[in-house]
Amino acid sequence: MSQLTGKTAVVTGGNSGIGYATAQKLKQEGATVIITGRSEEKVKKAASELGVQGIVADVINLSAIDQAVEKIKAEHQNVDILFVNAGIFAPAPLGQITEQMFDNQMGINFKGAVFTIEKFLPILNEGASIINLSSVNAYTGMPNTAIYAASKAAMNSFTRTAATELAPRKIRVNAVNPGPIYTPIFDKTGMPEEQLKGFAEAMQNRIPLKRFGQPEDVAELVSFLASDKASFITGGEYNIDGGININPLLVG
C-alpha cells in the first residue's frame, strides 16, 4: 500500500516547480491532493494535468487563505499534510532594494507562510505534518539575495518554535532547504537571459555534485517527511543542495 493512502494534502504554490512535482508525488503515494496558487489559469491547468483539486488563493491575501480553508473544510473536513511552498525570488544588491521588493518577498515568503499555517491549524488532524519550503540561502551569504535569504532564515526560526508549540497535538513541523533547483522561479527574476545563464553556470561550478537539482528530488524528501516513516522527526531542517552548503561561499 502507498505510504500516504487515506491522507489529505494541501500544497501551496502547487501549479509549478517544486510544488507541482510534490503534488504529483503525494498523489502517487495515495494522498488526496489540493493545490493552491494565485493564477487562476495556471492553477486550473496544473490541477487538470495532475488530476487533483485546484483552488485559487494568493498567500499574500489573508482573506483568500480563509476562503480556501473554508472550502477545504467543507469538502474534506481535515488535512493531514500541509506543504507551505509558495514563494518568490527577486535578487537585488544592497543599495538597490526597494520597499516594494522588501514587502513582496517578506509578504509572500514569510508572512504568507506564517498565516497559511495559522489559518490551517484548526483543520489539521492530530499527527499532521507541516513541511515548510525554505532555502540554503538562509545561510550562504550569497550576494544579491539579502531579503530573500532573510525571509527564509525567518521561516527556519519559525519552524523550530512551531514544532515545539504543536508537539502536544503530535503535529510535526520541518523545513526543507533546497539549493539550486531547476524551476521556473529563476525565469521570473527579471534578470536578462545572458546574466541568468552566467549566474547559473557560476552556481553550478560551486556544487560538489556538479548539477542543479530537479523539483522531483525535493518532492521525494517532502513525501518522506509527510509520511509516518518520519514520525519521530520534527523541528528539523534538511538541506537538499548537492553539497553546496559545505562548499566555499558563492562570491562575485
C-alpha atoms as a PDB file:
ATOM      1  CA  MET A   1       0.000   0.000   0.000  1.00  0.00           C
ATOM      2  CA  SER A   2       1.223   3.506  -0.788  1.00  0.00           C
ATOM      3  CA  GLN A   3       2.586   5.331   2.237  1.00  0.00           C
ATOM      4  CA  LEU A   4       0.103   8.248   2.126  1.00  0.00           C
ATOM      5  CA  THR A   5      -3.118   6.378   1.365  1.00  0.00           C
ATOM      6  CA  GLY A   6      -6.045   7.964   3.172  1.00  0.00           C
ATOM      7  CA  LYS A   7      -4.208  11.240   3.798  1.00  0.00           C
ATOM      8  CA  THR A   8      -5.361  14.663   2.603  1.00  0.00           C
ATOM      9  CA  ALA A   9      -2.578  17.001   1.467  1.00  0.00           C
ATOM     10  CA  VAL A  10      -2.502  20.703   0.610  1.00  0.00           C
ATOM     11  CA  VAL A  11       0.338  22.169  -1.470  1.00  0.00           C
ATOM     12  CA  THR A  12       0.553  25.950  -1.725  1.00  0.00           C
ATOM     13  CA  GLY A  13       2.104  27.230  -4.936  1.00  0.00           C
ATOM     14  CA  GLY A  14       1.358  23.822  -6.399  1.00  0.00           C
ATOM     15  CA  ASN A  15       0.957  24.907 -10.002  1.00  0.00           C
ATOM     16  CA  SER A  16       4.662  24.845 -10.948  1.00  0.00           C
ATOM     17  CA  GLY A  17       8.164  23.800  -9.980  1.00  0.00           C
ATOM     18  CA  ILE A  18       8.721  22.108  -6.632  1.00  0.00           C
ATOM     19  CA  GLY A  19       5.052  22.453  -5.667  1.00  0.00           C
ATOM     20  CA  TYR A  20       3.882  20.765  -8.869  1.00  0.00           C
ATOM     21  CA  ALA A  21       6.374  17.902  -8.555  1.00  0.00           C
ATOM     22  CA  THR A  22       5.465  17.413  -4.897  1.00  0.00           C
ATOM     23  CA  ALA A  23       1.725  17.384  -5.573  1.00  0.00           C
ATOM     24  CA  GLN A  24       2.380  14.726  -8.213  1.00  0.00           C
ATOM     25  CA  LYS A  25       4.485  12.640  -5.797  1.00  0.00           C
ATOM     26  CA  LEU A  26       1.976  12.916  -2.929  1.00  0.00           C
ATOM     27  CA  LYS A  27      -0.785  11.765  -5.244  1.00  0.00           C
ATOM     28  CA  GLN A  28       1.333   8.831  -6.445  1.00  0.00           C
ATOM     29  CA  GLU A  29       1.748   7.852  -2.789  1.00  0.00           C
ATOM     30  CA  GLY A  30      -2.013   7.705  -2.344  1.00  0.00           C
ATOM     31  CA  ALA A  31      -2.886  11.103  -0.879  1.00  0.00           C
ATOM     32  CA  THR A  32      -5.879  13.208  -1.851  1.00  0.00           C
ATOM     33  CA  VAL A  33      -4.176  16.395  -3.037  1.00  0.00           C
ATOM     34  CA  ILE A  34      -5.332  20.013  -3.228  1.00  0.00           C
ATOM     35  CA  ILE A  35      -3.075  22.627  -4.814  1.00  0.00           C
ATOM     36  CA  THR A  36      -3.365  26.384  -4.412  1.00  0.00           C
ATOM     37  CA  GLY A  37      -1.855  29.259  -6.390  1.00  0.00           C
ATOM     38  CA  ARG A  38      -2.529  32.865  -7.312  1.00  0.00           C
ATOM     39  CA  SER A  39      -3.035  32.479 -11.079  1.00  0.00           C
ATOM     40  CA  GLU A  40      -6.428  31.051 -11.980  1.00  0.00           C
ATOM     41  CA  GLU A  41      -5.204  29.970 -15.399  1.00  0.00           C
ATOM     42  CA  LYS A  42      -2.089  28.226 -14.079  1.00  0.00           C
ATOM     43  CA  VAL A  43      -3.873  26.560 -11.165  1.00  0.00           C
ATOM     44  CA  LYS A  44      -6.606  25.247 -13.443  1.00  0.00           C
ATOM     45  CA  LYS A  45      -4.072  23.908 -15.958  1.00  0.00           C
ATOM     46  CA  ALA A  46      -1.881  22.245 -13.312  1.00  0.00           C
ATOM     47  CA  ALA A  47      -4.848  20.715 -11.472  1.00  0.00           C
ATOM     48  CA  SER A  48      -6.118  19.239 -14.727  1.00  0.00           C
ATOM     49  CA  GLU A  49      -2.711  17.792 -15.627  1.00  0.00           C
ATOM     50  CA  LEU A  50      -2.170  16.347 -12.161  1.00  0.00           C
ATOM     51  CA  GLY A  51      -5.707  15.130 -11.655  1.00  0.00           C
ATOM     52  CA  VAL A  52      -6.045  16.983  -8.354  1.00  0.00           C
ATOM     53  CA  GLN A  53      -8.230  19.760  -6.958  1.00  0.00           C
ATOM     54  CA  GLY A  54      -7.099  23.331  -7.575  1.00  0.00           C
ATOM     55  CA  ILE A  55      -8.045  26.412  -5.554  1.00  0.00           C
ATOM     56  CA  VAL A  56      -7.060  29.970  -6.444  1.00  0.00           C
ATOM     57  CA  ALA A  57      -5.599  31.663  -3.359  1.00  0.00           C
ATOM     58  CA  ASP A  58      -2.792  34.220  -3.180  1.00  0.00           C
ATOM     59  CA  VAL A  59      -0.991  33.715   0.152  1.00  0.00           C
ATOM     60  CA  ILE A  60      -0.371  37.455   0.467  1.00  0.00           C
ATOM     61  CA  ASN A  61      -4.158  37.883   0.726  1.00  0.00           C
ATOM     62  CA  LEU A  62      -5.253  36.549   4.113  1.00  0.00           C
ATOM     63  CA  SER A  63      -8.938  36.546   3.249  1.00  0.00           C
ATOM     64  CA  ALA A  64      -8.129  34.358   0.236  1.00  0.00           C
ATOM     65  CA  ILE A  65      -6.445  31.865   2.574  1.00  0.00           C
ATOM     66  CA  ASP A  66      -9.553  31.964   4.804  1.00  0.00           C
ATOM     67  CA  GLN A  67     -11.762  31.158   1.827  1.00  0.00           C
ATOM     68  CA  ALA A  68      -9.503  28.290   0.746  1.00  0.00           C
ATOM     69  CA  VAL A  69      -9.581  26.813   4.247  1.00  0.00           C
ATOM     70  CA  GLU A  70     -13.371  27.041   4.405  1.00  0.00           C
ATOM     71  CA  LYS A  71     -13.698  25.320   1.039  1.00  0.00           C
ATOM     72  CA  ILE A  72     -11.310  22.535   2.023  1.00  0.00           C
ATOM     73  CA  LYS A  73     -13.018  22.103   5.392  1.00  0.00           C
ATOM     74  CA  ALA A  74     -16.431  21.811   3.722  1.00  0.00           C
ATOM     75  CA  GLU A  75     -15.233  19.259   1.169  1.00  0.00           C
ATOM     76  CA  HIS A  76     -12.558  17.302   3.052  1.00  0.00           C
ATOM     77  CA  GLN A  77     -13.131  18.077   6.755  1.00  0.00           C
ATOM     78  CA  ASN A  78      -9.494  17.892   7.829  1.00  0.00           C
ATOM     79  CA  VAL A  79      -5.954  17.970   6.451  1.00  0.00           C
ATOM     80  CA  ASP A  80      -3.030  15.638   7.234  1.00  0.00           C
ATOM     81  CA  ILE A  81      -0.228  17.208   5.183  1.00  0.00           C
ATOM     82  CA  LEU A  82       0.454  20.914   4.609  1.00  0.00           C
ATOM     83  CA  PHE A  83       3.330  21.766   2.280  1.00  0.00           C
ATOM     84  CA  VAL A  84       3.943  25.507   2.639  1.00  0.00           C
ATOM     85  CA  ASN A  85       5.718  26.015  -0.651  1.00  0.00           C
ATOM     86  CA  ALA A  86       4.549  29.293  -2.256  1.00  0.00           C
ATOM     87  CA  GLY A  87       7.370  31.793  -2.627  1.00  0.00           C
ATOM     88  CA  ILE A  88       9.184  34.268  -4.858  1.00  0.00           C
ATOM     89  CA  PHE A  89      12.822  35.086  -5.586  1.00  0.00           C
ATOM     90  CA  ALA A  90      13.755  38.666  -6.537  1.00  0.00           C
ATOM     91  CA  PRO A  91      17.515  39.339  -6.324  1.00  0.00           C
ATOM     92  CA  ALA A  92      18.915  42.829  -5.825  1.00  0.00           C
ATOM     93  CA  PRO A  93      22.142  44.227  -4.336  1.00  0.00           C
ATOM     94  CA  LEU A  94      22.189  46.371  -1.232  1.00  0.00           C
ATOM     95  CA  GLY A  95      21.616  49.958  -2.239  1.00  0.00           C
ATOM     96  CA  GLN A  96      19.024  48.933  -4.806  1.00  0.00           C
ATOM     97  CA  ILE A  97      16.471  47.260  -2.545  1.00  0.00           C
ATOM     98  CA  THR A  98      13.090  48.967  -2.779  1.00  0.00           C
ATOM     99  CA  GLU A  99      10.315  48.963  -0.226  1.00  0.00           C
ATOM    100  CA  GLN A 100       8.065  47.129  -2.682  1.00  0.00           C
ATOM    101  CA  MET A 101      10.704  44.448  -3.221  1.00  0.00           C
ATOM    102  CA  PHE A 102      11.044  44.012   0.538  1.00  0.00           C
ATOM    103  CA  ASP A 103       7.299  43.888   1.134  1.00  0.00           C
ATOM    104  CA  ASN A 104       6.671  41.416  -1.690  1.00  0.00           C
ATOM    105  CA  GLN A 105       9.338  38.916  -0.660  1.00  0.00           C
ATOM    106  CA  MET A 106       8.702  39.101   3.071  1.00  0.00           C
ATOM    107  CA  GLY A 107       4.948  39.228   2.459  1.00  0.00           C
ATOM    108  CA  ILE A 108       4.834  36.063   0.351  1.00  0.00           C
ATOM    109  CA  ASN A 109       7.809  34.070   1.636  1.00  0.00           C
ATOM    110  CA  PHE A 110       7.354  34.697   5.352  1.00  0.00           C
ATOM    111  CA  LYS A 111       4.085  36.437   6.235  1.00  0.00           C
ATOM    112  CA  GLY A 112       2.179  34.340   3.709  1.00  0.00           C
ATOM    113  CA  ALA A 113       3.741  31.151   5.061  1.00  0.00           C
ATOM    114  CA  VAL A 114       3.048  32.033   8.699  1.00  0.00           C
ATOM    115  CA  PHE A 115      -0.582  32.879   8.075  1.00  0.00           C
ATOM    116  CA  THR A 116      -1.105  29.853   5.870  1.00  0.00           C
ATOM    117  CA  ILE A 117      -0.184  27.758   8.898  1.00  0.00           C
ATOM    118  CA  GLU A 118      -2.251  29.935  11.253  1.00  0.00           C
ATOM    119  CA  LYS A 119      -5.348  29.605   9.083  1.00  0.00           C
ATOM    120  CA  PHE A 120      -4.974  25.854   8.509  1.00  0.00           C
ATOM    121  CA  LEU A 121      -4.244  24.933  12.148  1.00  0.00           C
ATOM    122  CA  PRO A 122      -7.923  24.464  13.116  1.00  0.00           C
ATOM    123  CA  ILE A 123      -8.418  21.843  10.397  1.00  0.00           C
ATOM    124  CA  LEU A 124      -5.119  19.978  10.813  1.00  0.00           C
ATOM    125  CA  ASN A 125      -5.572  16.496  12.229  1.00  0.00           C
ATOM    126  CA  GLU A 126      -3.652  15.342  15.278  1.00  0.00           C
ATOM    127  CA  GLY A 127      -0.423  13.865  13.973  1.00  0.00           C
ATOM    128  CA  ALA A 128      -0.424  16.045  10.856  1.00  0.00           C
ATOM    129  CA  SER A 129       2.791  17.032   9.095  1.00  0.00           C
ATOM    130  CA  ILE A 130       3.712  20.595   8.103  1.00  0.00           C
ATOM    131  CA  ILE A 131       6.656  20.983   5.732  1.00  0.00           C
ATOM    132  CA  ASN A 132       7.957  24.498   5.073  1.00  0.00           C
ATOM    133  CA  LEU A 133       9.947  25.250   1.941  1.00  0.00           C
ATOM    134  CA  SER A 134      12.977  27.278   2.914  1.00  0.00           C
ATOM    135  CA  SER A 135      16.378  27.583   1.210  1.00  0.00           C
ATOM    136  CA  VAL A 136      20.101  27.147   1.834  1.00  0.00           C
ATOM    137  CA  ASN A 137      20.242  30.875   1.022  1.00  0.00           C
ATOM    138  CA  ALA A 138      19.272  31.381   4.653  1.00  0.00           C
ATOM    139  CA  TYR A 139      22.922  30.558   5.460  1.00  0.00           C
ATOM    140  CA  THR A 140      25.133  31.131   2.423  1.00  0.00           C
ATOM    141  CA  GLY A 141      25.536  34.922   2.399  1.00  0.00           C
ATOM    142  CA  MET A 142      25.112  34.819  -1.356  1.00  0.00           C
ATOM    143  CA  PRO A 143      25.300  38.275  -2.997  1.00  0.00           C
ATOM    144  CA  ASN A 144      22.076  39.968  -4.142  1.00  0.00           C
ATOM    145  CA  THR A 145      19.826  37.757  -2.025  1.00  0.00           C
ATOM    146  CA  ALA A 146      19.689  39.656   1.283  1.00  0.00           C
ATOM    147  CA  ILE A 147      15.897  39.947   1.545  1.00  0.00           C
ATOM    148  CA  TYR A 148      15.141  36.543   0.063  1.00  0.00           C
ATOM    149  CA  ALA A 149      17.674  34.954   2.442  1.00  0.00           C
ATOM    150  CA  ALA A 150      16.251  36.864   5.413  1.00  0.00           C
ATOM    151  CA  SER A 151      12.741  35.644   4.599  1.00  0.00           C
ATOM    152  CA  LYS A 152      13.970  32.050   4.568  1.00  0.00           C
ATOM    153  CA  ALA A 153      16.026  32.430   7.757  1.00  0.00           C
ATOM    154  CA  ALA A 154      12.878  33.743   9.431  1.00  0.00           C
ATOM    155  CA  MET A 155      10.976  30.724   8.117  1.00  0.00           C
ATOM    156  CA  ASN A 156      13.508  28.334   9.641  1.00  0.00           C
ATOM    157  CA  SER A 157      13.349  30.071  13.002  1.00  0.00           C
ATOM    158  CA  PHE A 158       9.557  29.982  12.907  1.00  0.00           C
ATOM    159  CA  THR A 159       9.680  26.267  12.075  1.00  0.00           C
ATOM    160  CA  ARG A 160      11.619  25.435  15.237  1.00  0.00           C
ATOM    161  CA  THR A 161       9.240  27.320  17.509  1.00  0.00           C
ATOM    162  CA  ALA A 162       6.155  25.946  15.754  1.00  0.00           C
ATOM    163  CA  ALA A 163       7.476  22.405  16.172  1.00  0.00           C
ATOM    164  CA  THR A 164       7.748  22.936  19.920  1.00  0.00           C
ATOM    165  CA  GLU A 165       4.318  24.523  20.294  1.00  0.00           C
ATOM    166  CA  LEU A 166       2.478  21.997  18.124  1.00  0.00           C
ATOM    167  CA  ALA A 167       4.106  18.898  19.618  1.00  0.00           C
ATOM    168  CA  PRO A 168       1.216  18.387  22.112  1.00  0.00           C
ATOM    169  CA  ARG A 169      -1.041  17.851  19.073  1.00  0.00           C
ATOM    170  CA  LYS A 170       1.553  15.449  17.619  1.00  0.00           C
ATOM    171  CA  ILE A 171       1.844  17.821  14.639  1.00  0.00           C
ATOM    172  CA  ARG A 172       5.330  17.657  13.168  1.00  0.00           C
ATOM    173  CA  VAL A 173       6.874  20.769  11.590  1.00  0.00           C
ATOM    174  CA  ASN A 174      10.000  20.588   9.458  1.00  0.00           C
ATOM    175  CA  ALA A 175      11.795  22.763   6.922  1.00  0.00           C
ATOM    176  CA  VAL A 176      13.370  21.749   3.637  1.00  0.00           C
ATOM    177  CA  ASN A 177      16.315  23.828   2.414  1.00  0.00           C
ATOM    178  CA  PRO A 178      16.853  23.329  -1.323  1.00  0.00           C
ATOM    179  CA  GLY A 179      19.971  24.559  -3.007  1.00  0.00           C
ATOM    180  CA  PRO A 180      19.951  25.322  -6.726  1.00  0.00           C
ATOM    181  CA  ILE A 181      16.911  23.566  -8.173  1.00  0.00           C
ATOM    182  CA  TYR A 182      15.933  23.960 -11.800  1.00  0.00           C
ATOM    183  CA  THR A 183      12.495  25.577 -11.542  1.00  0.00           C
ATOM    184  CA  PRO A 184      10.607  28.419 -13.288  1.00  0.00           C
ATOM    185  CA  ILE A 185      11.325  30.692 -10.276  1.00  0.00           C
ATOM    186  CA  PHE A 186      14.597  31.769 -11.929  1.00  0.00           C
ATOM    187  CA  ASP A 187      12.787  32.797 -15.099  1.00  0.00           C
ATOM    188  CA  LYS A 188      10.642  35.182 -13.048  1.00  0.00           C
ATOM    189  CA  THR A 189      13.525  37.184 -11.587  1.00  0.00           C
ATOM    190  CA  GLY A 190      13.583  39.720 -14.418  1.00  0.00           C
ATOM    191  CA  MET A 191      17.307  39.110 -14.972  1.00  0.00           C
ATOM    192  CA  PRO A 192      18.455  39.263 -18.637  1.00  0.00           C
ATOM    193  CA  GLU A 193      18.889  35.805 -20.186  1.00  0.00           C
ATOM    194  CA  GLU A 194      22.668  36.178 -20.548  1.00  0.00           C
ATOM    195  CA  GLN A 195      23.036  37.271 -16.929  1.00  0.00           C
ATOM    196  CA  LEU A 196      20.814  34.417 -15.810  1.00  0.00           C
ATOM    197  CA  LYS A 197      22.922  31.933 -17.770  1.00  0.00           C
ATOM    198  CA  GLY A 198      26.137  33.251 -16.223  1.00  0.00           C
ATOM    199  CA  PHE A 199      24.561  33.153 -12.763  1.00  0.00           C
ATOM    200  CA  ALA A 200      23.526  29.529 -13.298  1.00  0.00           C
ATOM    201  CA  GLU A 201      26.946  28.471 -14.586  1.00  0.00           C
ATOM    202  CA  ALA A 202      28.768  30.114 -11.683  1.00  0.00           C
ATOM    203  CA  MET A 203      26.455  28.458  -9.207  1.00  0.00           C
ATOM    204  CA  GLN A 204      26.722  25.030 -10.818  1.00  0.00           C
ATOM    205  CA  ASN A 205      30.521  25.194 -10.583  1.00  0.00           C
ATOM    206  CA  ARG A 206      30.168  25.555  -6.805  1.00  0.00           C
ATOM    207  CA  ILE A 207      28.006  22.460  -6.404  1.00  0.00           C
ATOM    208  CA  PRO A 208      30.087  19.404  -5.445  1.00  0.00           C
ATOM    209  CA  LEU A 209      27.719  17.127  -7.391  1.00  0.00           C
ATOM    210  CA  LYS A 210      28.105  19.466 -10.412  1.00  0.00           C
ATOM    211  CA  ARG A 211      24.450  19.670 -11.328  1.00  0.00           C
ATOM    212  CA  PHE A 212      21.297  21.531 -10.437  1.00  0.00           C
ATOM    213  CA  GLY A 213      18.695  19.579  -8.536  1.00  0.00           C
ATOM    214  CA  GLN A 214      15.320  18.743 -10.018  1.00  0.00           C
ATOM    215  CA  PRO A 215      11.940  19.503  -8.423  1.00  0.00           C
ATOM    216  CA  GLU A 216      11.395  15.742  -8.148  1.00  0.00           C
ATOM    217  CA  ASP A 217      14.428  15.483  -5.844  1.00  0.00           C
ATOM    218  CA  VAL A 218      12.757  17.812  -3.359  1.00  0.00           C
ATOM    219  CA  ALA A 219       9.393  16.081  -3.812  1.00  0.00           C
ATOM    220  CA  GLU A 220      10.910  12.795  -2.623  1.00  0.00           C
ATOM    221  CA  LEU A 221      12.143  14.426   0.582  1.00  0.00           C
ATOM    222  CA  VAL A 222       8.852  16.207   1.251  1.00  0.00           C
ATOM    223  CA  SER A 223       6.936  12.969   0.682  1.00  0.00           C
ATOM    224  CA  PHE A 224       9.120  11.194   3.226  1.00  0.00           C
ATOM    225  CA  LEU A 225       8.697  13.942   5.847  1.00  0.00           C
ATOM    226  CA  ALA A 226       4.933  13.842   5.247  1.00  0.00           C
ATOM    227  CA  SER A 227       4.767  10.110   5.896  1.00  0.00           C
ATOM    228  CA  ASP A 228       4.606   8.016   9.048  1.00  0.00           C
ATOM    229  CA  LYS A 229       8.157   6.882   8.278  1.00  0.00           C
ATOM    230  CA  ALA A 230       9.212  10.297   9.626  1.00  0.00           C
ATOM    231  CA  SER A 231       7.021  10.068  12.738  1.00  0.00           C
ATOM    232  CA  PHE A 232       9.905  10.924  15.108  1.00  0.00           C
ATOM    233  CA  ILE A 233      11.192  13.866  13.068  1.00  0.00           C
ATOM    234  CA  THR A 234      10.147  17.419  13.963  1.00  0.00           C
ATOM    235  CA  GLY A 235      11.791  20.826  14.239  1.00  0.00           C
ATOM    236  CA  GLY A 236      14.435  19.837  11.714  1.00  0.00           C
ATOM    237  CA  GLU A 237      15.952  21.475   8.651  1.00  0.00           C
ATOM    238  CA  TYR A 238      17.030  19.303   5.771  1.00  0.00           C
ATOM    239  CA  ASN A 239      19.442  20.565   3.121  1.00  0.00           C
ATOM    240  CA  ILE A 240      18.917  19.170  -0.361  1.00  0.00           C
ATOM    241  CA  ASP A 241      21.540  21.064  -2.279  1.00  0.00           C
ATOM    242  CA  GLY A 242      24.094  18.819  -3.968  1.00  0.00           C
ATOM    243  CA  GLY A 243      26.538  19.762  -1.199  1.00  0.00           C
ATOM    244  CA  ILE A 244      26.715  23.488  -1.963  1.00  0.00           C
ATOM    245  CA  ASN A 245      26.348  24.429   1.692  1.00  0.00           C
ATOM    246  CA  ILE A 246      29.627  22.670   2.528  1.00  0.00           C
ATOM    247  CA  ASN A 247      31.482  24.319  -0.377  1.00  0.00           C
ATOM    248  CA  PRO A 248      33.092  27.794  -0.241  1.00  0.00           C
ATOM    249  CA  LEU A 249      30.644  30.658  -0.442  1.00  0.00           C
ATOM    250  CA  LEU A 250      29.480  31.769  -3.851  1.00  0.00           C
ATOM    251  CA  VAL A 251      31.031  35.187  -4.452  1.00  0.00           C
ATOM    252  CA  GLY A 252      31.346  37.671  -7.289  1.00  0.00           C
END
